[in-house]
Amino acid sequence: MEPLRQDATRQEAAAGTRVLAGRYRLVSLLGRGGMGAVWRAHDENLDREVAVKELRLPEQLDDAGRQTWIARLDREARAAARLRHPGIVTVHDRVTGPDGRPWIVMELVRGRSLDDLLKAEGPLPPSQVAQIGLRVLDALRAAHQAGITHRDIKPANVLLEEDRVVLTDFGIAAVEGDATLTATGAVLGTPAYMSPEQVHGEEVTAASDLWSLGATLYTAVEGRPPFGGAGTGAVFVAIATKDPEPPVRAGPLEPVLRALLHRVPSQRPTAAELHTRLTALAEDRPAGPPTVPQPPDPSRRPARLRKGKAVRLVLAVVATVLALGLAVVAAAFIEDRWQEARKDREHARFEANRRLAEKMTSIPGKVVRIDQSNEAGKAYVESELCDDASFSRNECDVDGMVTAVGNWLRAQPNVKSVYFDGPKSRCEENPGCEFTVTTDGPPKLNQVQIYTQYLSEPERSIVLGFQVG
């Protein structure tokens, strides 16, 4: 038995006796990958189940290699902690084990991966695959807007929990502003789902994630990846030089897959274009214009059919084709205008909510950003309550923060009631503690939270976040 597997077996046997950071008791092994293992654990402080990711270090690593692997796990914690989206797994904490290895504490997603589902049930219907793709796309758009490229989209990193689709494992994510961790000759990613530019060692962008999403959806609908080979090298050659085999089960999803898997990043659809196309397919709407009935074959008509009647029939068919074509063009035009009008309305609502947020006075802490929320038209405000230096010196007065935020909320116009959900200990975690605010007029305040934010490990701060709108 190889060393890593022996180590994993010993740890599984002793799981119930292991406690991390004095609070996270390991319960059972959920899965194992190239960079680590994920455990089900019990948070004894908050009496809840969590998932804990353990970094596994190959025994042959030197000190430099060990620090590189640890830096990758820290990068995953930072990347995921920056993101607040229902389709992205929530990071609660980052702790250090007795041997100095870092562990990431995350929400426990009670479901199985898309990879497990495909292994158990085989290929999925195109409409279901489009629905999954739409949810993953929403999560990716949130990550890309935050300057984060995932770089490892694949079925194993897509978790399914009832109606929820969750993107996980930001272990090799590219974070805007961070130094790259790629070592010379290292392969970061899963070969079958790496974009052509990844294979060539070129810059990885949001378009690269969309290619990997296309490969994931192709696998989901076909039951196999779009490119294969006898080994990693053969897969890389196929990705870099060939088009994928035409799918046979994709149906209306086929044009979308073909566009996503284009070797040239600029030729792939944008996230907005992909969202529109997947939405139509997820709702099982027709992917193209209706089929026009063809006239009977004249060679099979009775010989006594007169020329005039045949001409009238041809003219009628031409008129029908033109009418249907104009109807399709008109429908497409109306759909485009409706989408543009909707986006204009959402932008106008956001601008109005942003102006309301900017006029709000005495916001506790230091306002660091006012951005468009993931919820249409709303503005998200983030204000730093305690900086890293004070956090490191244990000088963050959580009681005072909760009191200050509560008093500020009650002083806002049209606020009818403010309820602190507690406990206060959660304010030093992520997603943090929450206030429930009831208003009877603008500005409407919701998702009011105090939480800990990791900027760049080990730097962290406590912030106030809330939505206006």
Protein backbone atom coordinates (compact mmCIF):
# COMPACT_ATOMS: atom_id res chain seq x y z
CA MET A 1 0.00 0.00 0.00
CA GLU A 2 1.46 3.40 -0.97
CA PRO A 3 2.46 5.83 1.84
CA LEU A 4 -0.37 8.35 1.27
CA ARG A 5 -3.03 5.65 1.31
CA GLN A 6 -1.54 4.07 4.45
CA ASP A 7 -1.64 7.47 6.12
CA ALA A 8 -5.28 8.02 5.06
CA THR A 9 -6.30 4.58 6.36
CA ARG A 10 -4.71 5.24 9.75
CA GLN A 11 -6.41 8.61 9.98
CA GLU A 12 -9.84 7.20 9.09
CA ALA A 13 -9.51 4.68 11.91
CA ALA A 14 -8.66 7.43 14.41
CA ALA A 15 -11.06 10.06 13.04
CA GLY A 16 -13.36 10.30 16.05
CA THR A 17 -10.47 11.09 18.42
CA ARG A 18 -8.95 13.93 16.36
CA VAL A 19 -9.92 17.50 17.22
CA LEU A 20 -8.58 20.54 15.33
CA ALA A 21 -8.11 23.95 16.94
CA GLY A 22 -9.88 22.66 20.02
CA ARG A 23 -13.30 22.60 18.33
CA TYR A 24 -13.51 20.64 15.02
CA ARG A 25 -13.85 16.90 15.74
CA LEU A 26 -13.25 14.75 12.64
CA VAL A 27 -16.07 12.26 12.02
CA SER A 28 -15.55 10.53 8.66
CA LEU A 29 -13.67 10.82 5.38
CA LEU A 30 -15.80 12.32 2.55
CA GLY A 31 -13.30 12.20 -0.31
CA ARG A 32 -9.68 12.28 -1.31
CA GLY A 33 -7.90 14.09 -4.16
CA GLY A 34 -4.46 14.96 -5.42
CA MET A 35 -3.88 17.85 -2.99
CA GLY A 36 -5.80 16.67 0.04
CA ALA A 37 -8.74 15.00 1.68
CA VAL A 38 -12.11 16.33 2.84
CA TRP A 39 -13.57 15.22 6.16
CA ARG A 40 -16.98 15.50 7.76
CA ALA A 41 -16.45 17.15 11.15
CA HIS A 42 -18.47 18.46 14.08
CA ASP A 43 -17.95 22.04 15.24
CA GLU A 44 -18.29 21.58 18.99
CA ASN A 45 -18.43 25.33 19.68
CA LEU A 46 -21.44 25.98 17.45
CA ASP A 47 -22.88 22.43 17.47
CA ARG A 48 -23.02 22.06 13.69
CA GLU A 49 -21.57 19.79 11.04
CA VAL A 50 -18.89 21.19 8.74
CA ALA A 51 -16.54 19.97 6.04
CA VAL A 52 -12.82 20.23 6.73
CA LYS A 53 -10.22 20.07 3.96
CA GLU A 54 -6.83 18.63 4.91
CA LEU A 55 -3.70 19.38 2.89
CA ARG A 56 -1.75 16.22 2.06
CA LEU A 57 2.01 16.63 1.59
CA PRO A 58 3.92 13.99 -0.40
CA GLU A 59 6.76 12.61 1.70
CA GLN A 60 9.47 13.46 -0.86
CA LEU A 61 8.86 17.24 -0.66
CA ASP A 62 11.68 19.50 0.45
CA ASP A 63 11.03 22.63 2.51
CA ALA A 64 10.44 24.79 -0.58
CA GLY A 65 7.98 22.29 -2.02
CA ARG A 66 6.18 22.03 1.31
CA GLN A 67 5.76 25.81 1.48
CA THR A 68 4.43 25.86 -2.09
CA TRP A 69 1.74 23.28 -1.30
CA ILE A 70 0.77 25.09 1.90
CA ALA A 71 0.58 28.38 -0.05
CA ARG A 72 -1.85 26.75 -2.50
CA LEU A 73 -4.22 25.73 0.27
CA ASP A 74 -3.98 29.20 1.77
CA ARG A 75 -4.77 30.60 -1.68
CA GLU A 76 -7.90 28.42 -1.81
CA ALA A 77 -9.03 29.74 1.58
CA ARG A 78 -8.45 33.34 0.51
CA ALA A 79 -10.10 32.91 -2.88
CA ALA A 80 -13.25 31.23 -1.56
CA ALA A 81 -13.51 33.54 1.47
CA ARG A 82 -13.64 36.56 -0.87
CA LEU A 83 -16.74 35.18 -2.54
CA ARG A 84 -20.25 35.38 -1.15
CA HIS A 85 -22.62 33.51 -3.45
CA PRO A 86 -25.10 30.65 -2.88
CA GLY A 87 -23.41 28.70 -5.68
CA ILE A 88 -19.94 28.83 -4.09
CA VAL A 89 -19.03 26.78 -1.03
CA THR A 90 -18.73 29.01 2.07
CA VAL A 91 -15.41 29.07 3.94
CA HIS A 92 -15.82 29.42 7.71
CA ASP A 93 -12.27 29.23 9.02
CA ARG A 94 -8.63 28.35 8.34
CA VAL A 95 -6.81 26.54 11.15
CA THR A 96 -3.41 24.92 11.63
CA GLY A 97 -2.98 21.29 12.68
CA PRO A 98 -0.48 20.04 15.29
CA ASP A 99 2.09 19.32 12.54
CA GLY A 100 1.85 22.81 11.06
CA ARG A 101 -0.32 21.88 8.07
CA PRO A 102 -3.26 24.19 7.31
CA TRP A 103 -6.89 22.99 7.20
CA ILE A 104 -9.85 24.81 5.64
CA VAL A 105 -13.20 24.68 7.47
CA MET A 106 -16.14 24.95 5.07
CA GLU A 107 -19.90 24.50 5.00
CA LEU A 108 -20.96 20.88 4.63
CA VAL A 109 -22.81 20.42 1.33
CA ARG A 110 -25.17 17.50 1.82
CA GLY A 111 -25.17 16.02 -1.62
CA ARG A 112 -22.97 14.31 -4.17
CA SER A 113 -20.80 15.61 -6.94
CA LEU A 114 -21.84 15.72 -10.58
CA ASP A 115 -19.08 13.16 -11.19
CA ASP A 116 -20.67 10.75 -8.68
CA LEU A 117 -24.11 11.29 -10.23
CA LEU A 118 -22.81 10.50 -13.73
CA LYS A 119 -21.07 7.35 -12.49
CA ALA A 120 -24.27 6.19 -10.80
CA GLU A 121 -26.89 7.17 -13.40
CA GLY A 122 -25.06 7.80 -16.67
CA PRO A 123 -25.58 10.73 -19.09
CA LEU A 124 -28.17 13.37 -18.16
CA PRO A 125 -30.90 14.98 -20.35
CA PRO A 126 -29.82 18.19 -22.13
CA SER A 127 -32.33 20.38 -20.25
CA GLN A 128 -31.04 19.13 -16.87
CA VAL A 129 -27.44 19.69 -17.97
CA ALA A 130 -28.37 23.22 -19.08
CA GLN A 131 -29.88 23.90 -15.65
CA ILE A 132 -26.71 22.71 -13.91
CA GLY A 133 -24.57 24.74 -16.30
CA LEU A 134 -26.63 27.87 -15.64
CA ARG A 135 -26.08 27.56 -11.87
CA VAL A 136 -22.34 26.97 -12.27
CA LEU A 137 -22.15 29.93 -14.66
CA ASP A 138 -23.78 32.21 -12.08
CA ALA A 139 -21.15 31.16 -9.53
CA LEU A 140 -18.34 31.69 -12.04
CA ARG A 141 -19.58 35.16 -12.93
CA ALA A 142 -19.44 36.11 -9.24
CA ALA A 143 -15.88 34.76 -9.01
CA HIS A 144 -14.76 36.51 -12.19
CA GLN A 145 -16.24 39.82 -11.02
CA ALA A 146 -14.14 39.44 -7.86
CA GLY A 147 -10.99 38.92 -9.96
CA ILE A 148 -10.78 35.16 -9.39
CA THR A 149 -10.35 32.53 -12.12
CA HIS A 150 -11.14 29.00 -10.89
CA ARG A 151 -8.92 27.02 -13.36
CA ASP A 152 -10.25 23.59 -12.36
CA ILE A 153 -13.90 23.34 -13.41
CA LYS A 154 -14.81 19.65 -13.69
CA PRO A 155 -17.68 17.33 -12.66
CA ALA A 156 -15.94 16.39 -9.40
CA ASN A 157 -15.91 20.05 -8.30
CA VAL A 158 -19.63 20.60 -8.94
CA LEU A 159 -21.71 19.56 -5.92
CA LEU A 160 -25.45 18.89 -6.10
CA GLU A 161 -27.59 19.50 -3.00
CA GLU A 162 -31.30 19.11 -3.83
CA ASP A 163 -32.04 22.18 -6.04
CA ARG A 164 -28.71 23.82 -5.22
CA VAL A 165 -25.58 23.55 -7.39
CA VAL A 166 -22.34 24.47 -5.60
CA LEU A 167 -18.89 25.12 -7.07
CA THR A 168 -16.02 24.07 -4.82
CA ASP A 169 -12.24 23.55 -4.71
CA PHE A 170 -10.48 26.84 -5.45
CA GLY A 171 -7.13 25.15 -4.75
CA ILE A 172 -5.42 26.35 -7.95
CA ALA A 173 -7.51 29.48 -8.52
CA ALA A 174 -5.78 32.48 -10.04
CA VAL A 175 -6.43 35.48 -7.78
CA GLU A 176 -5.99 38.90 -9.33
CA GLY A 177 -3.06 40.62 -7.65
CA ASP A 178 -1.55 37.41 -6.20
CA ALA A 179 1.80 36.06 -7.34
CA THR A 180 1.51 32.84 -9.32
CA LEU A 181 2.35 29.58 -7.57
CA THR A 182 2.90 27.46 -10.65
CA ALA A 183 6.23 25.70 -10.53
CA THR A 184 8.21 25.01 -13.69
CA GLY A 185 6.95 21.79 -15.25
CA ALA A 186 3.98 21.52 -12.87
CA VAL A 187 0.57 20.54 -14.22
CA LEU A 188 -2.15 22.44 -12.36
CA GLY A 189 -5.60 21.26 -13.35
CA THR A 190 -7.29 18.11 -14.58
CA PRO A 191 -6.01 17.31 -18.11
CA ALA A 192 -9.37 16.44 -19.74
CA TYR A 193 -10.87 19.75 -18.55
CA MET A 194 -7.93 22.10 -19.21
CA SER A 195 -8.47 24.70 -21.92
CA PRO A 196 -6.13 24.92 -24.94
CA GLU A 197 -4.48 28.03 -23.50
CA GLN A 198 -3.83 26.17 -20.22
CA VAL A 199 -2.27 23.33 -22.19
CA HIS A 200 -0.01 25.83 -24.02
CA GLY A 201 1.01 27.45 -20.72
CA GLU A 202 -0.58 30.76 -21.69
CA GLU A 203 -2.54 33.18 -19.52
CA VAL A 204 -5.69 31.67 -18.02
CA THR A 205 -8.74 33.95 -18.12
CA ALA A 206 -12.48 33.84 -17.54
CA ALA A 207 -12.81 32.43 -21.07
CA SER A 208 -10.67 29.47 -19.93
CA ASP A 209 -13.16 28.72 -17.16
CA LEU A 210 -15.96 28.81 -19.74
CA TRP A 211 -14.09 26.26 -21.89
CA SER A 212 -13.77 23.97 -18.86
CA LEU A 213 -17.47 24.50 -18.12
CA GLY A 214 -18.20 23.44 -21.71
CA ALA A 215 -16.09 20.29 -21.24
CA THR A 216 -17.96 19.57 -17.99
CA LEU A 217 -21.38 19.96 -19.62
CA TYR A 218 -20.24 17.84 -22.59
CA THR A 219 -19.28 15.07 -20.14
CA ALA A 220 -22.60 15.39 -18.33
CA VAL A 221 -24.71 15.01 -21.46
CA GLU A 222 -22.49 12.50 -23.32
CA GLY A 223 -21.15 10.43 -20.43
CA ARG A 224 -17.51 11.02 -21.45
CA PRO A 225 -15.13 14.01 -21.76
CA PRO A 226 -14.83 15.73 -25.16
CA PHE A 227 -11.17 14.72 -25.50
CA GLY A 228 -9.43 11.48 -24.58
CA GLY A 229 -6.16 9.67 -25.11
CA ALA A 230 -3.84 6.98 -23.84
CA GLY A 231 -2.17 9.39 -21.43
CA THR A 232 -1.92 13.01 -20.34
CA GLY A 233 0.27 13.90 -23.32
CA ALA A 234 -2.21 12.46 -25.82
CA VAL A 235 -5.07 14.35 -24.16
CA PHE A 236 -3.10 17.59 -24.31
CA VAL A 237 -2.31 17.10 -28.02
CA ALA A 238 -5.99 16.45 -28.78
CA ILE A 239 -7.12 19.55 -26.86
CA ALA A 240 -4.50 21.75 -28.53
CA THR A 241 -4.98 20.54 -32.14
CA LYS A 242 -8.39 18.95 -32.64
CA ASP A 243 -12.08 19.72 -32.41
CA PRO A 244 -14.13 17.61 -29.99
CA GLU A 245 -16.02 14.62 -31.31
CA PRO A 246 -19.55 15.75 -32.26
CA PRO A 247 -21.90 14.92 -29.35
CA VAL A 248 -24.70 12.45 -30.08
CA ARG A 249 -26.92 13.01 -27.03
CA ALA A 250 -26.71 16.79 -26.67
CA GLY A 251 -29.60 17.71 -28.95
CA PRO A 252 -30.29 21.47 -28.67
CA LEU A 253 -27.27 21.83 -26.37
CA GLU A 254 -24.85 20.88 -29.18
CA PRO A 255 -24.31 24.41 -30.64
CA VAL A 256 -23.58 25.77 -27.15
CA LEU A 257 -21.01 23.05 -26.45
CA ARG A 258 -19.37 23.58 -29.83
CA ALA A 259 -19.08 27.33 -29.18
CA LEU A 260 -17.69 26.89 -25.66
CA LEU A 261 -15.05 24.39 -26.81
CA HIS A 262 -13.63 26.66 -29.50
CA ARG A 263 -9.82 26.64 -29.35
CA VAL A 264 -9.63 30.44 -29.69
CA PRO A 265 -10.75 32.17 -26.45
CA SER A 266 -12.10 35.26 -28.25
CA GLN A 267 -14.41 33.06 -30.34
CA ARG A 268 -16.18 31.60 -27.30
CA PRO A 269 -19.47 33.15 -26.10
CA THR A 270 -19.30 35.70 -23.33
CA ALA A 271 -20.79 34.85 -19.94
CA ALA A 272 -23.81 37.05 -20.71
CA GLU A 273 -24.41 35.36 -24.08
CA LEU A 274 -24.02 31.94 -22.51
CA HIS A 275 -26.48 32.85 -19.75
CA THR A 276 -29.15 33.74 -22.30
CA ARG A 277 -28.66 30.52 -24.28
CA LEU A 278 -28.55 28.23 -21.25
CA THR A 279 -31.64 29.91 -19.79
CA ALA A 280 -33.62 29.08 -22.92
CA LEU A 281 -32.40 25.47 -22.90
CA ALA A 282 -32.96 25.05 -19.15
CA GLU A 283 -36.58 26.12 -19.65
CA ASP A 284 -36.79 23.60 -22.51
CA ARG A 285 -37.63 26.32 -25.05
CA PRO A 286 -36.90 25.61 -28.71
CA ALA A 287 -33.25 26.28 -29.49
CA GLY A 288 -33.92 27.48 -33.05
CA PRO A 289 -36.68 28.50 -35.48
CA PRO A 290 -39.64 26.18 -35.95
CA THR A 291 -39.42 23.52 -38.63
CA VAL A 292 -41.20 24.55 -41.82
CA PRO A 293 -43.33 21.78 -43.38
CA GLN A 294 -41.98 20.87 -46.81
CA PRO A 295 -44.31 20.47 -49.83
CA PRO A 296 -44.88 16.98 -51.20
CA ASP A 297 -42.38 15.72 -53.77
CA PRO A 298 -43.80 16.80 -57.19
CA SER A 299 -42.41 13.63 -58.78
CA ARG A 300 -44.90 11.64 -56.72
CA ARG A 301 -47.93 13.76 -57.57
CA PRO A 302 -50.46 12.48 -60.09
CA ALA A 303 -49.50 13.26 -63.69
CA ARG A 304 -52.74 15.20 -64.22
CA LEU A 305 -51.65 17.99 -61.80
CA ARG A 306 -51.84 21.15 -63.88
CA LYS A 307 -48.93 23.58 -64.08
CA GLY A 308 -50.97 26.48 -62.67
CA LYS A 309 -51.88 24.54 -59.56
CA ALA A 310 -48.23 23.58 -59.01
CA VAL A 311 -47.16 27.23 -59.33
CA ARG A 312 -49.81 28.31 -56.80
CA LEU A 313 -48.60 25.62 -54.40
CA VAL A 314 -44.97 26.76 -54.69
CA LEU A 315 -46.00 30.40 -54.13
CA ALA A 316 -47.98 29.40 -51.06
CA VAL A 317 -45.00 27.52 -49.61
CA VAL A 318 -42.68 30.48 -50.30
CA ALA A 319 -45.14 32.83 -48.59
CA THR A 320 -45.32 30.50 -45.59
CA VAL A 321 -41.52 30.31 -45.36
CA LEU A 322 -41.22 34.10 -45.54
CA ALA A 323 -43.92 34.60 -42.93
CA LEU A 324 -42.33 32.13 -40.55
CA GLY A 325 -38.88 33.61 -41.15
CA LEU A 326 -40.17 37.12 -40.43
CA ALA A 327 -41.91 35.82 -37.31
CA VAL A 328 -38.68 34.24 -36.07
CA VAL A 329 -36.71 37.44 -36.79
CA ALA A 330 -39.39 39.52 -35.05
CA ALA A 331 -39.40 37.20 -32.03
CA ALA A 332 -35.62 37.35 -31.79
CA PHE A 333 -35.70 41.15 -32.10
CA ILE A 334 -38.35 41.43 -29.37
CA GLU A 335 -36.39 39.06 -27.11
CA ASP A 336 -33.19 41.13 -27.60
CA ARG A 337 -35.00 44.39 -26.89
CA TRP A 338 -36.66 42.89 -23.83
CA GLN A 339 -33.31 41.68 -22.49
CA GLU A 340 -31.75 45.09 -23.10
CA ALA A 341 -34.67 46.84 -21.42
CA ARG A 342 -34.41 44.49 -18.44
CA LYS A 343 -30.69 45.18 -18.09
CA ASP A 344 -31.36 48.92 -18.37
CA ARG A 345 -33.99 48.69 -15.62
CA GLU A 346 -31.65 46.71 -13.37
CA HIS A 347 -28.82 49.18 -13.95
CA ALA A 348 -31.13 52.12 -13.23
CA ARG A 349 -32.27 50.44 -9.99
CA PHE A 350 -28.65 49.81 -9.01
CA GLU A 351 -27.67 53.43 -9.67
CA ALA A 352 -30.61 54.62 -7.57
CA ASN A 353 -29.67 52.23 -4.74
CA ARG A 354 -26.00 53.22 -5.02
CA ARG A 355 -26.94 56.89 -4.62
CA LEU A 356 -29.05 56.01 -1.57
CA ALA A 357 -26.12 54.11 -0.09
CA GLU A 358 -23.72 57.01 -0.72
CA LYS A 359 -26.10 59.38 1.09
CA MET A 360 -26.27 57.20 4.19
CA THR A 361 -24.35 58.93 6.98
CA SER A 362 -22.45 57.65 10.00
CA ILE A 363 -22.04 54.11 8.60
CA PRO A 364 -19.97 52.29 11.26
CA GLY A 365 -16.36 51.74 10.26
CA LYS A 366 -14.69 52.77 7.02
CA VAL A 367 -16.62 52.16 3.79
CA VAL A 368 -14.31 50.28 1.40
CA ARG A 369 -16.65 49.55 -1.50
CA ILE A 370 -20.15 49.97 -2.91
CA ASP A 371 -20.71 47.47 -5.71
CA GLN A 372 -23.57 45.88 -7.60
CA SER A 373 -24.97 42.97 -5.63
CA ASN A 374 -25.55 39.47 -7.02
CA GLU A 375 -29.25 40.23 -6.57
CA ALA A 376 -30.53 42.27 -9.50
CA GLY A 377 -30.49 46.02 -9.01
CA LYS A 378 -29.27 46.05 -5.41
CA ALA A 379 -26.14 47.77 -4.12
CA TYR A 380 -23.78 45.96 -1.73
CA VAL A 381 -21.91 48.06 0.84
CA GLU A 382 -18.85 46.80 2.71
CA SER A 383 -17.35 48.74 5.61
CA GLU A 384 -14.26 47.78 7.65
CA LEU A 385 -15.01 47.73 11.40
CA CYS A 386 -11.66 46.38 12.63
CA ASP A 387 -8.42 46.26 10.65
CA ASP A 388 -5.78 43.53 10.59
CA ALA A 389 -3.46 45.19 13.08
CA SER A 390 -6.18 45.50 15.73
CA PHE A 391 -7.40 41.98 14.93
CA SER A 392 -3.89 40.59 15.48
CA ARG A 393 -3.65 42.36 18.87
CA ASN A 394 -7.08 41.03 19.92
CA GLU A 395 -8.33 44.61 20.15
CA CYS A 396 -11.52 44.10 18.09
CA ASP A 397 -14.45 44.87 20.38
CA VAL A 398 -17.16 42.62 18.94
CA ASP A 399 -19.71 43.67 21.59
CA GLY A 400 -19.11 47.31 20.70
CA MET A 401 -19.42 46.56 16.97
CA VAL A 402 -22.76 44.79 17.40
CA THR A 403 -24.06 47.65 19.55
CA ALA A 404 -22.83 50.32 17.12
CA VAL A 405 -24.30 48.59 14.07
CA GLY A 406 -27.62 47.98 15.86
CA ASN A 407 -27.89 51.63 16.95
CA TRP A 408 -26.98 52.84 13.46
CA LEU A 409 -29.63 50.65 11.87
CA ARG A 410 -32.32 51.85 14.26
CA ALA A 411 -31.42 55.45 13.46
CA GLN A 412 -32.01 55.00 9.71
CA PRO A 413 -35.22 56.45 8.22
CA ASN A 414 -38.14 54.05 7.74
CA VAL A 415 -36.55 51.28 9.85
CA LYS A 416 -39.33 49.68 11.92
CA SER A 417 -37.40 46.98 13.74
CA VAL A 418 -33.90 45.53 14.13
CA TYR A 419 -33.23 42.04 15.44
CA PHE A 420 -29.75 40.60 16.08
CA ASP A 421 -29.74 36.89 15.25
CA GLY A 422 -26.47 36.15 17.15
CA PRO A 423 -24.47 34.70 18.69
CA LYS A 424 -21.78 37.35 18.79
CA SER A 425 -19.03 34.72 18.47
CA ARG A 426 -20.10 34.20 14.85
CA CYS A 427 -19.14 37.79 14.03
CA GLU A 428 -15.50 36.65 14.00
CA GLU A 429 -16.26 33.94 11.42
CA ASN A 430 -17.44 33.75 7.84
CA PRO A 431 -20.37 34.02 6.91
CA GLY A 432 -20.65 35.78 10.29
CA CYS A 433 -23.49 37.07 12.46
CA GLU A 434 -26.61 38.65 11.04
CA PHE A 435 -29.20 41.36 11.70
CA THR A 436 -32.81 41.11 10.52
CA VAL A 437 -34.06 44.56 9.53
CA THR A 438 -37.69 45.49 8.76
CA THR A 439 -38.36 48.72 6.85
CA ASP A 440 -41.49 50.41 5.50
CA GLY A 441 -39.77 52.52 2.85
CA PRO A 442 -36.43 53.36 1.24
CA PRO A 443 -33.68 52.67 1.83
CA LYS A 444 -34.50 48.97 2.23
CA LEU A 445 -31.71 47.16 4.07
CA ASN A 446 -31.17 43.42 3.94
CA GLN A 447 -28.45 40.77 4.35
CA VAL A 448 -26.89 42.88 7.11
CA GLN A 449 -23.93 40.93 8.48
CA ILE A 450 -20.73 41.35 10.49
CA TYR A 451 -18.12 38.85 9.36
CA THR A 452 -14.41 38.17 9.17
CA GLN A 453 -12.77 38.69 5.79
CA TYR A 454 -9.40 37.29 4.75
CA LEU A 455 -7.61 39.73 2.46
CA SER A 456 -4.32 37.88 2.05
CA GLU A 457 -3.38 35.23 4.58
CA PRO A 458 -2.73 35.87 7.42
CA GLU A 459 -4.22 39.37 7.06
CA ARG A 460 -7.86 39.60 8.08
CA SER A 461 -10.38 42.16 9.21
CA ILE A 462 -13.91 42.36 10.53
CA VAL A 463 -16.35 44.08 8.19
CA LEU A 464 -19.97 45.14 8.01
CA GLY A 465 -21.76 44.15 4.82
CA PHE A 466 -25.31 44.98 3.78
CA GLN A 467 -27.53 45.37 0.71
CA VAL A 468 -29.47 48.48 -0.20
CA GLY A 469 -32.54 47.90 -2.36
